[in-house]
């Protein structure tokens, strides 16, 4: 139960807040950003046609994460891991013709990870966004292109937070059913055209 003795409920009501709720959420305790550049990524196409590159979410390679204490820096930890970013080479129809990975990215950074009870679980998560920096160049059966990758590293823990609440969400609108477009439907509701040419108004430019 939420202790309301320290909360000015009248002030909250002025903002339309009806309740104070406790929710279980993933809280980000720390985060940082980095970027990596790969000037030349090569892929063997084997005489297949190429259209575009599609990147997939990066991830921490299993069994590479290491978290260790730093002497003289309480609540901060040395975090080491390897990030791997998959990508697909697609043809003009969107079919995957090759599944590849960018070169592995080795990380050795310092993050805020405070002391906590043994049962509390901190998780290290990564988010990535990769872009092709210049048009790919094809030489015979090899495709070469530069890639830039943005990386966000997060320290996440599941906690209970107290938040203001406006009540339950309203009911959603009705779903829109998909149906093929019938060209005759638009025709049925179109304005009826004029059948006859415009009449002479009896004056024209000679009246000026």
N, C-alpha and C. Protein backbone atom coordinates (compact mmCIF):
# COMPACT_ATOMS: atom_id res chain seq x y z
N UNK A 1 0.85 -1.20 0.00
CA UNK A 1 0.00 0.00 0.00
C UNK A 1 0.88 1.24 0.00
N UNK A 2 0.44 2.27 -0.72
CA UNK A 2 1.20 3.51 -0.82
C UNK A 2 0.93 4.39 0.38
N UNK A 3 1.99 4.93 0.98
CA UNK A 3 1.85 5.85 2.10
C UNK A 3 1.59 7.24 1.56
N UNK A 4 0.35 7.73 1.72
CA UNK A 4 -0.04 9.04 1.19
C UNK A 4 0.24 10.18 2.15
N UNK A 5 0.81 9.90 3.32
CA UNK A 5 1.01 10.95 4.32
C UNK A 5 2.02 11.98 3.86
N UNK A 6 2.91 11.62 2.96
CA UNK A 6 3.94 12.54 2.50
C UNK A 6 3.62 13.09 1.11
N UNK A 7 2.42 12.84 0.63
CA UNK A 7 2.04 13.27 -0.71
C UNK A 7 0.91 14.28 -0.63
N UNK A 8 1.07 15.41 -1.30
CA UNK A 8 0.02 16.43 -1.34
C UNK A 8 -1.01 16.00 -2.38
N UNK A 9 -2.01 15.25 -1.93
CA UNK A 9 -3.00 14.71 -2.87
C UNK A 9 -3.83 15.80 -3.53
N UNK A 10 -4.10 16.90 -2.81
CA UNK A 10 -4.88 17.98 -3.41
C UNK A 10 -4.14 18.61 -4.58
N UNK A 11 -2.83 18.77 -4.40
CA UNK A 11 -2.04 19.34 -5.50
C UNK A 11 -2.05 18.41 -6.71
N UNK A 12 -2.00 17.11 -6.45
CA UNK A 12 -2.03 16.15 -7.55
C UNK A 12 -3.36 16.18 -8.28
N UNK A 13 -4.45 16.34 -7.52
CA UNK A 13 -5.77 16.39 -8.14
C UNK A 13 -5.89 17.56 -9.10
N UNK A 14 -5.16 18.64 -8.81
CA UNK A 14 -5.19 19.80 -9.70
C UNK A 14 -4.63 19.50 -11.08
N UNK A 15 -3.80 18.47 -11.17
CA UNK A 15 -3.25 18.06 -12.46
C UNK A 15 -4.04 16.91 -13.06
N UNK A 16 -5.16 16.57 -12.47
CA UNK A 16 -5.97 15.47 -12.99
C UNK A 16 -5.50 14.10 -12.56
N UNK A 17 -4.55 14.06 -11.62
CA UNK A 17 -4.03 12.78 -11.14
C UNK A 17 -4.98 12.21 -10.11
N UNK A 18 -5.45 11.01 -10.34
CA UNK A 18 -6.46 10.41 -9.48
C UNK A 18 -5.86 9.53 -8.39
N UNK A 19 -4.75 8.88 -8.69
CA UNK A 19 -4.17 7.93 -7.74
C UNK A 19 -2.66 7.97 -7.79
N UNK A 20 -2.05 7.39 -6.77
CA UNK A 20 -0.63 7.10 -6.76
C UNK A 20 -0.49 5.59 -6.77
N UNK A 21 0.15 5.06 -7.80
CA UNK A 21 0.27 3.61 -7.93
C UNK A 21 1.71 3.17 -7.83
N UNK A 22 1.91 1.93 -7.42
CA UNK A 22 3.22 1.29 -7.45
C UNK A 22 3.24 0.30 -8.61
N UNK A 23 4.25 0.42 -9.44
CA UNK A 23 4.35 -0.47 -10.60
C UNK A 23 5.73 -1.12 -10.61
N UNK A 24 5.82 -2.29 -11.20
CA UNK A 24 7.09 -2.99 -11.36
C UNK A 24 7.60 -2.72 -12.77
N UNK A 25 8.79 -2.13 -12.86
CA UNK A 25 9.34 -1.72 -14.15
C UNK A 25 10.84 -2.01 -14.20
N UNK A 26 11.37 -2.00 -15.41
CA UNK A 26 12.82 -2.05 -15.59
C UNK A 26 13.36 -0.63 -15.53
N UNK A 27 14.16 -0.35 -14.52
CA UNK A 27 14.74 0.99 -14.34
C UNK A 27 16.16 1.00 -14.90
N UNK A 28 16.46 2.05 -15.66
CA UNK A 28 17.82 2.23 -16.18
C UNK A 28 18.64 2.97 -15.13
N UNK A 29 19.61 2.28 -14.53
CA UNK A 29 20.45 2.89 -13.50
C UNK A 29 21.61 3.67 -14.11
N UNK A 30 22.06 3.28 -15.27
CA UNK A 30 23.16 3.99 -15.94
C UNK A 30 23.13 3.63 -17.42
N UNK A 31 23.66 4.53 -18.22
CA UNK A 31 23.77 4.26 -19.66
C UNK A 31 24.87 5.11 -20.26
N UNK A 32 25.40 4.67 -21.37
CA UNK A 32 26.42 5.44 -22.08
C UNK A 32 26.33 5.09 -23.56
N UNK A 33 26.92 5.94 -24.38
CA UNK A 33 26.87 5.73 -25.82
C UNK A 33 28.27 5.64 -26.40
N UNK A 34 28.40 4.86 -27.44
CA UNK A 34 29.66 4.75 -28.17
C UNK A 34 29.33 4.54 -29.64
N UNK A 35 30.35 4.68 -30.47
CA UNK A 35 30.16 4.45 -31.90
C UNK A 35 31.37 3.73 -32.47
N UNK A 36 31.12 2.94 -33.49
CA UNK A 36 32.17 2.19 -34.17
C UNK A 36 32.03 2.40 -35.67
N UNK A 37 33.17 2.46 -36.35
CA UNK A 37 33.17 2.63 -37.81
C UNK A 37 33.96 1.49 -38.45
N UNK A 38 33.37 0.91 -39.47
CA UNK A 38 34.03 -0.15 -40.24
C UNK A 38 34.18 0.35 -41.67
N UNK A 39 35.38 0.79 -42.06
CA UNK A 39 35.57 1.40 -43.39
C UNK A 39 35.27 0.45 -44.54
N UNK A 40 35.56 -0.84 -44.37
CA UNK A 40 35.35 -1.79 -45.46
C UNK A 40 34.78 -3.10 -44.92
N UNK A 41 33.51 -3.32 -45.18
CA UNK A 41 32.87 -4.60 -44.88
C UNK A 41 32.67 -5.33 -46.20
N UNK A 42 33.14 -6.56 -46.29
CA UNK A 42 33.07 -7.31 -47.54
C UNK A 42 32.14 -8.51 -47.40
N UNK A 43 31.35 -8.73 -48.45
CA UNK A 43 30.42 -9.86 -48.50
C UNK A 43 30.55 -10.53 -49.86
N UNK A 44 30.63 -11.85 -49.87
CA UNK A 44 30.66 -12.60 -51.12
C UNK A 44 29.24 -12.82 -51.62
N UNK A 45 28.95 -12.36 -52.84
CA UNK A 45 27.59 -12.44 -53.39
C UNK A 45 27.35 -13.69 -54.22
N UNK A 46 28.40 -14.29 -54.77
CA UNK A 46 28.27 -15.51 -55.58
C UNK A 46 27.29 -15.32 -56.74
N UNK A 47 27.52 -14.26 -57.50
CA UNK A 47 26.76 -13.97 -58.73
C UNK A 47 25.28 -13.66 -58.49
N UNK A 48 24.90 -13.39 -57.26
CA UNK A 48 23.50 -13.06 -56.97
C UNK A 48 23.30 -11.55 -57.06
N UNK A 49 22.08 -11.14 -57.38
CA UNK A 49 21.77 -9.71 -57.48
C UNK A 49 21.62 -9.12 -56.09
N UNK A 50 21.98 -7.85 -55.96
CA UNK A 50 21.96 -7.17 -54.67
C UNK A 50 21.08 -5.93 -54.75
N UNK A 51 20.31 -5.67 -53.68
CA UNK A 51 19.48 -4.47 -53.62
C UNK A 51 19.83 -3.58 -52.44
N UNK A 52 19.83 -4.16 -51.22
CA UNK A 52 20.11 -3.33 -50.05
C UNK A 52 20.60 -4.18 -48.88
N UNK A 53 21.06 -3.46 -47.82
CA UNK A 53 21.54 -4.09 -46.58
C UNK A 53 20.52 -3.81 -45.49
N UNK A 54 20.16 -4.84 -44.72
CA UNK A 54 19.25 -4.67 -43.59
C UNK A 54 19.95 -5.14 -42.31
N UNK A 55 20.07 -4.22 -41.35
CA UNK A 55 20.74 -4.55 -40.09
C UNK A 55 19.74 -5.07 -39.07
N UNK A 56 20.20 -5.99 -38.24
CA UNK A 56 19.40 -6.56 -37.17
C UNK A 56 19.93 -6.06 -35.83
N UNK A 57 19.13 -6.17 -34.74
CA UNK A 57 19.59 -5.69 -33.43
C UNK A 57 20.87 -6.39 -32.97
N UNK A 58 21.81 -5.58 -32.48
CA UNK A 58 23.03 -6.14 -31.93
C UNK A 58 22.78 -6.80 -30.58
N UNK A 59 23.71 -7.64 -30.16
CA UNK A 59 23.55 -8.35 -28.89
C UNK A 59 24.92 -8.63 -28.28
N UNK A 60 24.91 -8.91 -26.98
CA UNK A 60 26.13 -9.30 -26.29
C UNK A 60 26.36 -10.79 -26.53
N UNK A 61 27.52 -11.13 -27.03
CA UNK A 61 27.83 -12.52 -27.32
C UNK A 61 27.83 -13.32 -26.01
N UNK A 62 27.11 -14.43 -25.98
CA UNK A 62 27.06 -15.24 -24.75
C UNK A 62 28.45 -15.60 -24.23
N UNK A 63 28.58 -15.59 -22.91
CA UNK A 63 29.81 -15.97 -22.20
C UNK A 63 30.96 -14.98 -22.39
N UNK A 64 30.65 -13.75 -22.86
CA UNK A 64 31.71 -12.74 -22.97
C UNK A 64 31.57 -11.64 -21.93
N UNK A 65 30.45 -11.59 -21.20
CA UNK A 65 30.22 -10.51 -20.24
C UNK A 65 30.99 -10.78 -18.95
N UNK A 66 31.75 -9.76 -18.53
CA UNK A 66 32.52 -9.84 -17.28
C UNK A 66 32.37 -8.53 -16.53
N UNK A 67 31.95 -8.61 -15.26
CA UNK A 67 31.77 -7.42 -14.41
C UNK A 67 32.68 -7.58 -13.20
N UNK A 68 33.54 -6.60 -12.95
CA UNK A 68 34.48 -6.69 -11.84
C UNK A 68 34.56 -5.36 -11.10
N UNK A 69 34.92 -5.42 -9.82
CA UNK A 69 35.04 -4.23 -8.99
C UNK A 69 36.25 -3.40 -9.42
N UNK A 70 36.19 -2.10 -9.09
CA UNK A 70 37.30 -1.19 -9.35
C UNK A 70 37.77 -0.64 -8.01
N UNK A 71 39.01 -0.85 -7.70
CA UNK A 71 39.55 -0.39 -6.41
C UNK A 71 39.49 1.13 -6.31
N UNK A 72 38.93 1.63 -5.22
CA UNK A 72 38.85 3.07 -5.00
C UNK A 72 37.66 3.73 -5.65
N UNK A 73 36.82 2.98 -6.35
CA UNK A 73 35.62 3.54 -6.99
C UNK A 73 34.39 2.72 -6.59
N UNK A 74 33.88 2.94 -5.40
CA UNK A 74 32.69 2.19 -4.97
C UNK A 74 31.50 2.48 -5.88
N UNK A 75 30.68 1.48 -6.08
CA UNK A 75 29.46 1.56 -6.90
C UNK A 75 29.74 1.67 -8.39
N UNK A 76 31.00 1.62 -8.78
CA UNK A 76 31.34 1.58 -10.21
C UNK A 76 32.04 0.27 -10.52
N UNK A 77 31.78 -0.25 -11.71
CA UNK A 77 32.32 -1.55 -12.08
C UNK A 77 32.96 -1.48 -13.47
N UNK A 78 33.97 -2.32 -13.64
CA UNK A 78 34.56 -2.50 -14.97
C UNK A 78 33.74 -3.57 -15.69
N UNK A 79 33.25 -3.22 -16.87
CA UNK A 79 32.36 -4.12 -17.62
C UNK A 79 33.00 -4.42 -18.98
N UNK A 80 33.19 -5.70 -19.23
CA UNK A 80 33.78 -6.13 -20.50
C UNK A 80 32.85 -7.12 -21.20
N UNK A 81 32.71 -6.94 -22.51
CA UNK A 81 31.86 -7.84 -23.28
C UNK A 81 32.13 -7.65 -24.77
N UNK A 82 31.54 -8.51 -25.57
CA UNK A 82 31.66 -8.43 -27.02
C UNK A 82 30.29 -8.21 -27.63
N UNK A 83 30.18 -7.19 -28.49
CA UNK A 83 28.93 -6.91 -29.19
C UNK A 83 29.02 -7.48 -30.61
N UNK A 84 27.94 -8.12 -31.02
CA UNK A 84 27.88 -8.67 -32.38
C UNK A 84 26.61 -8.15 -33.06
N UNK A 85 26.77 -7.62 -34.27
CA UNK A 85 25.65 -7.02 -35.01
C UNK A 85 25.40 -7.80 -36.29
N UNK A 86 24.25 -8.46 -36.41
CA UNK A 86 23.94 -9.20 -37.64
C UNK A 86 23.41 -8.27 -38.73
N UNK A 87 23.57 -8.70 -39.96
CA UNK A 87 22.92 -7.98 -41.07
C UNK A 87 22.61 -8.96 -42.19
N UNK A 88 21.62 -8.59 -43.00
CA UNK A 88 21.21 -9.40 -44.14
C UNK A 88 21.46 -8.63 -45.43
N UNK A 89 21.85 -9.34 -46.45
CA UNK A 89 21.94 -8.79 -47.80
C UNK A 89 20.69 -9.24 -48.54
N UNK A 90 19.94 -8.27 -49.08
CA UNK A 90 18.66 -8.57 -49.72
C UNK A 90 18.72 -8.32 -51.22
N UNK A 91 17.93 -9.10 -51.96
CA UNK A 91 17.78 -8.82 -53.39
C UNK A 91 16.63 -7.85 -53.61
N UNK A 92 16.30 -7.55 -54.86
CA UNK A 92 15.29 -6.53 -55.15
C UNK A 92 13.89 -6.94 -54.70
N UNK A 93 13.68 -8.25 -54.47
CA UNK A 93 12.39 -8.73 -54.00
C UNK A 93 12.31 -8.84 -52.48
N UNK A 94 13.38 -8.43 -51.80
CA UNK A 94 13.39 -8.51 -50.34
C UNK A 94 13.81 -9.85 -49.80
N UNK A 95 14.25 -10.75 -50.66
CA UNK A 95 14.70 -12.07 -50.21
C UNK A 95 16.13 -11.99 -49.67
N UNK A 96 16.40 -12.75 -48.62
CA UNK A 96 17.73 -12.78 -48.01
C UNK A 96 18.64 -13.65 -48.86
N UNK A 97 19.72 -13.06 -49.35
CA UNK A 97 20.68 -13.84 -50.14
C UNK A 97 21.95 -14.13 -49.36
N UNK A 98 22.12 -13.44 -48.21
CA UNK A 98 23.29 -13.71 -47.37
C UNK A 98 23.03 -13.18 -45.96
N UNK A 99 23.37 -13.98 -44.96
CA UNK A 99 23.27 -13.58 -43.55
C UNK A 99 24.68 -13.47 -42.99
N UNK A 100 25.02 -12.26 -42.52
CA UNK A 100 26.39 -12.00 -42.10
C UNK A 100 26.40 -11.28 -40.75
N UNK A 101 27.63 -11.04 -40.22
CA UNK A 101 27.83 -10.25 -39.02
C UNK A 101 28.89 -9.19 -39.30
N UNK A 102 28.73 -8.01 -38.70
CA UNK A 102 29.82 -7.05 -38.70
C UNK A 102 30.94 -7.61 -37.83
N UNK A 103 32.16 -7.10 -37.99
CA UNK A 103 33.24 -7.55 -37.10
C UNK A 103 32.86 -7.37 -35.63
N UNK A 104 33.25 -8.33 -34.80
CA UNK A 104 32.93 -8.24 -33.37
C UNK A 104 33.50 -6.97 -32.76
N UNK A 105 32.74 -6.39 -31.84
CA UNK A 105 33.12 -5.14 -31.17
C UNK A 105 33.43 -5.46 -29.71
N UNK A 106 34.68 -5.28 -29.30
CA UNK A 106 35.11 -5.56 -27.93
C UNK A 106 34.94 -4.31 -27.09
N UNK A 107 34.27 -4.43 -25.95
CA UNK A 107 34.01 -3.29 -25.07
C UNK A 107 34.66 -3.52 -23.71
N UNK A 108 35.30 -2.47 -23.20
CA UNK A 108 35.91 -2.48 -21.86
C UNK A 108 35.64 -1.11 -21.26
N UNK A 109 34.55 -0.97 -20.50
CA UNK A 109 34.08 0.34 -20.05
C UNK A 109 33.80 0.32 -18.55
N UNK A 110 33.55 1.50 -18.00
CA UNK A 110 33.20 1.66 -16.59
C UNK A 110 31.74 2.12 -16.51
N UNK A 111 30.95 1.44 -15.69
CA UNK A 111 29.54 1.76 -15.54
C UNK A 111 29.16 1.84 -14.07
N UNK A 112 28.18 2.67 -13.78
CA UNK A 112 27.63 2.77 -12.43
C UNK A 112 26.75 1.56 -12.16
N UNK A 113 27.19 0.69 -11.27
CA UNK A 113 26.41 -0.47 -10.84
C UNK A 113 26.48 -0.50 -9.32
N UNK A 114 25.53 0.09 -8.63
CA UNK A 114 25.63 0.23 -7.17
C UNK A 114 25.54 -1.11 -6.46
N UNK A 115 26.05 -1.11 -5.23
CA UNK A 115 25.92 -2.30 -4.40
C UNK A 115 24.45 -2.59 -4.14
N UNK A 116 24.09 -3.84 -4.12
CA UNK A 116 22.70 -4.24 -3.90
C UNK A 116 22.71 -5.61 -3.22
N UNK A 117 21.55 -6.00 -2.72
CA UNK A 117 21.44 -7.32 -2.11
C UNK A 117 21.75 -8.40 -3.15
N UNK A 118 22.17 -9.55 -2.65
CA UNK A 118 22.59 -10.62 -3.55
C UNK A 118 21.49 -11.04 -4.53
N UNK A 119 20.24 -10.95 -4.07
CA UNK A 119 19.13 -11.42 -4.91
C UNK A 119 18.75 -10.43 -6.00
N UNK A 120 19.25 -9.19 -5.91
CA UNK A 120 18.90 -8.19 -6.93
C UNK A 120 19.75 -8.42 -8.16
N UNK A 121 19.12 -8.43 -9.31
CA UNK A 121 19.80 -8.76 -10.55
C UNK A 121 19.93 -7.55 -11.46
N UNK A 122 21.16 -7.07 -11.66
CA UNK A 122 21.42 -6.05 -12.67
C UNK A 122 21.69 -6.74 -14.00
N UNK A 123 21.17 -6.15 -15.08
CA UNK A 123 21.39 -6.70 -16.42
C UNK A 123 22.08 -5.65 -17.29
N UNK A 124 23.00 -6.10 -18.09
CA UNK A 124 23.68 -5.22 -19.05
C UNK A 124 23.03 -5.45 -20.42
N UNK A 125 22.46 -4.39 -20.97
CA UNK A 125 21.78 -4.47 -22.26
C UNK A 125 22.45 -3.55 -23.27
N UNK A 126 22.34 -3.90 -24.54
CA UNK A 126 22.85 -3.02 -25.60
C UNK A 126 21.75 -2.79 -26.62
N UNK A 127 21.75 -1.59 -27.18
CA UNK A 127 20.90 -1.24 -28.32
C UNK A 127 21.81 -0.71 -29.41
N UNK A 128 21.51 -1.04 -30.64
CA UNK A 128 22.37 -0.63 -31.75
C UNK A 128 21.56 -0.02 -32.88
N UNK A 129 22.22 0.86 -33.60
CA UNK A 129 21.68 1.38 -34.86
C UNK A 129 22.84 1.50 -35.83
N UNK A 130 22.76 0.78 -36.93
CA UNK A 130 23.85 0.76 -37.90
C UNK A 130 23.38 1.32 -39.23
N UNK A 131 24.27 2.02 -39.91
CA UNK A 131 23.93 2.65 -41.19
C UNK A 131 25.07 2.43 -42.18
N UNK A 132 24.71 2.28 -43.45
CA UNK A 132 25.70 2.22 -44.52
C UNK A 132 26.12 3.65 -44.84
N UNK A 133 27.41 3.93 -44.77
CA UNK A 133 27.91 5.30 -44.87
C UNK A 133 28.14 5.77 -46.30
N UNK A 134 28.18 4.87 -47.24
CA UNK A 134 28.39 5.24 -48.65
C UNK A 134 27.81 4.12 -49.52
N UNK A 135 27.49 4.42 -50.77
CA UNK A 135 26.93 3.38 -51.64
C UNK A 135 27.85 2.17 -51.74
N UNK A 136 27.31 0.97 -51.59
CA UNK A 136 28.13 -0.24 -51.73
C UNK A 136 28.74 -0.34 -53.13
N UNK A 137 29.93 -0.91 -53.18
CA UNK A 137 30.64 -1.10 -54.45
C UNK A 137 30.78 -2.59 -54.71
N UNK A 138 30.36 -3.01 -55.90
CA UNK A 138 30.48 -4.42 -56.27
C UNK A 138 31.64 -4.62 -57.22
N UNK A 139 32.54 -5.53 -56.84
CA UNK A 139 33.66 -5.90 -57.68
C UNK A 139 33.56 -7.39 -57.94
N UNK A 140 33.17 -7.74 -59.17
CA UNK A 140 32.89 -9.14 -59.52
C UNK A 140 31.87 -9.72 -58.54
N UNK A 141 32.25 -10.68 -57.70
CA UNK A 141 31.29 -11.31 -56.79
C UNK A 141 31.43 -10.83 -55.35
N UNK A 142 32.12 -9.72 -55.13
CA UNK A 142 32.33 -9.20 -53.78
C UNK A 142 31.69 -7.83 -53.63
N UNK A 143 30.93 -7.66 -52.56
CA UNK A 143 30.29 -6.38 -52.24
C UNK A 143 31.04 -5.74 -51.09
N UNK A 144 31.44 -4.47 -51.26
CA UNK A 144 32.19 -3.75 -50.24
C UNK A 144 31.46 -2.47 -49.89
N UNK A 145 31.35 -2.19 -48.58
CA UNK A 145 30.65 -0.98 -48.14
C UNK A 145 31.12 -0.60 -46.73
N UNK A 146 31.09 0.72 -46.40
CA UNK A 146 31.45 1.17 -45.05
C UNK A 146 30.21 1.23 -44.16
N UNK A 147 30.40 0.94 -42.88
CA UNK A 147 29.28 0.91 -41.93
C UNK A 147 29.66 1.69 -40.67
N UNK A 148 28.71 2.48 -40.18
CA UNK A 148 28.85 3.12 -38.88
C UNK A 148 27.80 2.58 -37.93
N UNK A 149 28.21 2.24 -36.71
CA UNK A 149 27.29 1.67 -35.73
C UNK A 149 27.27 2.53 -34.47
N UNK A 150 26.07 2.92 -34.06
CA UNK A 150 25.86 3.60 -32.79
C UNK A 150 25.42 2.57 -31.76
N UNK A 151 26.00 2.65 -30.56
CA UNK A 151 25.73 1.66 -29.52
C UNK A 151 25.37 2.37 -28.23
N UNK A 152 24.29 1.93 -27.60
CA UNK A 152 23.92 2.40 -26.26
C UNK A 152 24.00 1.20 -25.31
N UNK A 153 24.75 1.39 -24.22
CA UNK A 153 24.89 0.35 -23.20
C UNK A 153 24.10 0.79 -21.98
N UNK A 154 23.31 -0.12 -21.41
CA UNK A 154 22.46 0.21 -20.28
C UNK A 154 22.65 -0.78 -19.14
N UNK A 155 22.57 -0.24 -17.91
CA UNK A 155 22.50 -1.07 -16.71
C UNK A 155 21.05 -1.03 -16.24
N UNK A 156 20.38 -2.17 -16.24
CA UNK A 156 18.95 -2.23 -15.98
C UNK A 156 18.67 -3.17 -14.81
N UNK A 157 17.73 -2.74 -13.95
CA UNK A 157 17.27 -3.59 -12.86
C UNK A 157 15.78 -3.45 -12.67
N UNK A 158 15.11 -4.52 -12.31
CA UNK A 158 13.66 -4.50 -12.09
C UNK A 158 13.36 -4.01 -10.68
N UNK A 159 12.57 -2.93 -10.59
CA UNK A 159 12.26 -2.31 -9.30
C UNK A 159 10.78 -1.98 -9.22
N UNK A 160 10.35 -1.59 -8.02
CA UNK A 160 8.99 -1.10 -7.82
C UNK A 160 9.05 0.41 -7.67
N UNK A 161 8.34 1.12 -8.52
CA UNK A 161 8.34 2.58 -8.51
C UNK A 161 6.95 3.12 -8.21
N UNK A 162 6.91 4.27 -7.53
CA UNK A 162 5.66 4.95 -7.26
C UNK A 162 5.46 6.03 -8.31
N UNK A 163 4.32 6.00 -8.98
CA UNK A 163 4.08 6.94 -10.08
C UNK A 163 2.68 7.51 -9.96
N UNK A 164 2.48 8.75 -10.44
CA UNK A 164 1.12 9.30 -10.48
C UNK A 164 0.31 8.58 -11.55
N UNK A 165 -0.97 8.39 -11.29
CA UNK A 165 -1.82 7.65 -12.23
C UNK A 165 -3.07 8.46 -12.55
N UNK A 166 -3.46 8.45 -13.80
CA UNK A 166 -4.66 9.13 -14.27
C UNK A 166 -5.83 8.16 -14.41
N UNK A 167 -5.66 6.95 -13.92
CA UNK A 167 -6.69 5.94 -14.08
C UNK A 167 -6.34 4.98 -15.20
N UNK A 168 -7.25 4.06 -15.46
CA UNK A 168 -7.00 3.09 -16.53
C UNK A 168 -7.09 3.75 -17.90
N UNK A 169 -6.44 3.14 -18.86
CA UNK A 169 -6.48 3.65 -20.23
C UNK A 169 -7.90 3.49 -20.79
N UNK A 170 -8.33 4.43 -21.63
CA UNK A 170 -9.66 4.31 -22.24
C UNK A 170 -9.72 3.13 -23.19
N UNK A 171 -10.94 2.71 -23.49
CA UNK A 171 -11.09 1.61 -24.44
C UNK A 171 -10.55 2.01 -25.80
N UNK A 172 -9.88 1.10 -26.47
CA UNK A 172 -9.32 1.44 -27.79
C UNK A 172 -10.41 1.54 -28.84
N UNK A 173 -10.13 2.20 -29.95
CA UNK A 173 -11.12 2.27 -31.04
C UNK A 173 -11.28 0.90 -31.71
N UNK A 174 -12.35 0.78 -32.48
CA UNK A 174 -12.59 -0.46 -33.20
C UNK A 174 -11.48 -0.70 -34.23
N UNK A 175 -11.15 -1.97 -34.42
CA UNK A 175 -10.16 -2.32 -35.43
C UNK A 175 -10.72 -2.06 -36.83
N UNK A 176 -9.83 -1.71 -37.74
CA UNK A 176 -10.22 -1.52 -39.13
C UNK A 176 -9.92 -2.79 -39.91
N UNK A 177 -10.97 -3.40 -40.44
CA UNK A 177 -10.79 -4.62 -41.22
C UNK A 177 -10.18 -4.29 -42.58
N UNK A 178 -9.25 -5.13 -43.00
CA UNK A 178 -8.66 -4.95 -44.32
C UNK A 178 -9.60 -5.54 -45.37
N UNK A 179 -9.83 -4.78 -46.42
CA UNK A 179 -10.63 -5.30 -47.53
C UNK A 179 -10.06 -4.71 -48.82
N UNK A 180 -9.99 -5.51 -49.86
CA UNK A 180 -9.45 -5.02 -51.14
C UNK A 180 -10.26 -3.82 -51.64
N UNK A 181 -9.55 -2.88 -52.25
CA UNK A 181 -10.21 -1.69 -52.77
C UNK A 181 -11.04 -2.05 -53.99
N UNK A 182 -12.30 -1.67 -53.98
CA UNK A 182 -13.19 -1.88 -55.13
C UNK A 182 -13.30 -0.56 -55.87
N UNK A 183 -12.81 -0.54 -57.09
CA UNK A 183 -12.80 0.71 -57.86
C UNK A 183 -14.20 1.25 -58.06
N UNK A 184 -15.19 0.37 -58.05
CA UNK A 184 -16.57 0.81 -58.26
C UNK A 184 -17.13 1.54 -57.05
N UNK A 185 -16.57 1.28 -55.85
CA UNK A 185 -17.05 1.98 -54.66
C UNK A 185 -16.84 3.48 -54.78
N UNK A 186 -15.63 3.87 -55.22
CA UNK A 186 -15.35 5.29 -55.38
C UNK A 186 -16.25 5.90 -56.45
N UNK A 187 -16.49 5.14 -57.51
CA UNK A 187 -17.34 5.63 -58.59
C UNK A 187 -18.77 5.85 -58.11
N UNK A 188 -19.28 4.96 -57.26
CA UNK A 188 -20.66 5.05 -56.79
C UNK A 188 -20.93 6.33 -56.01
N UNK A 189 -19.91 6.83 -55.29
CA UNK A 189 -20.11 8.01 -54.44
C UNK A 189 -19.52 9.29 -55.04
N UNK A 190 -19.04 9.22 -56.27
CA UNK A 190 -18.49 10.41 -56.91
C UNK A 190 -19.61 11.38 -57.28
N UNK A 191 -19.28 12.68 -57.29
CA UNK A 191 -20.27 13.69 -57.70
C UNK A 191 -20.65 13.47 -59.17
N UNK A 192 -21.92 13.67 -59.43
CA UNK A 192 -22.39 13.51 -60.81
C UNK A 192 -21.86 14.68 -61.64
N UNK A 193 -21.27 14.43 -62.81
CA UNK A 193 -20.68 15.51 -63.61
C UNK A 193 -21.75 16.33 -64.33
N UNK A 194 -21.34 17.53 -64.78
CA UNK A 194 -22.20 18.34 -65.65
C UNK A 194 -22.26 17.68 -67.02
N UNK A 195 -23.47 17.53 -67.56
CA UNK A 195 -23.62 16.86 -68.85
C UNK A 195 -23.55 17.83 -70.03
N UNK A 196 -23.80 19.12 -69.78
CA UNK A 196 -23.91 20.07 -70.88
C UNK A 196 -22.87 21.17 -70.73
N UNK A 197 -22.41 21.73 -71.84
CA UNK A 197 -21.41 22.80 -71.78
C UNK A 197 -22.02 24.06 -71.15
N UNK A 198 -21.20 24.96 -70.63
CA UNK A 198 -21.71 26.18 -70.01
C UNK A 198 -22.40 27.08 -71.03
N UNK A 199 -23.41 27.82 -70.56
CA UNK A 199 -24.16 28.72 -71.44
C UNK A 199 -23.50 30.08 -71.50
N UNK A 200 -23.76 30.77 -72.62
CA UNK A 200 -23.27 32.14 -72.79
C UNK A 200 -24.06 33.05 -71.86
N UNK A 201 -23.35 33.90 -71.09
CA UNK A 201 -24.04 34.74 -70.10
C UNK A 201 -24.63 36.02 -70.70
N UNK A 202 -24.49 36.21 -72.01
CA UNK A 202 -25.11 37.36 -72.66
C UNK A 202 -24.25 38.59 -72.69
N UNK A 203 -23.01 38.50 -72.14
CA UNK A 203 -22.18 39.71 -72.11
C UNK A 203 -20.78 39.39 -72.62
N UNK A 204 -20.00 38.75 -71.79
CA UNK A 204 -18.64 38.41 -72.19
C UNK A 204 -17.73 39.62 -72.16
N UNK A 205 -16.61 39.54 -72.87
CA UNK A 205 -15.61 40.60 -72.83
C UNK A 205 -16.07 41.85 -73.54
N UNK A 206 -17.08 41.75 -74.41
CA UNK A 206 -17.55 42.93 -75.15
C UNK A 206 -18.29 43.91 -74.26
N UNK A 207 -18.65 43.50 -73.02
CA UNK A 207 -19.38 44.39 -72.12
C UNK A 207 -18.46 45.33 -71.38
N UNK A 208 -17.14 45.13 -71.45
CA UNK A 208 -16.22 45.99 -70.71
C UNK A 208 -16.17 47.39 -71.32
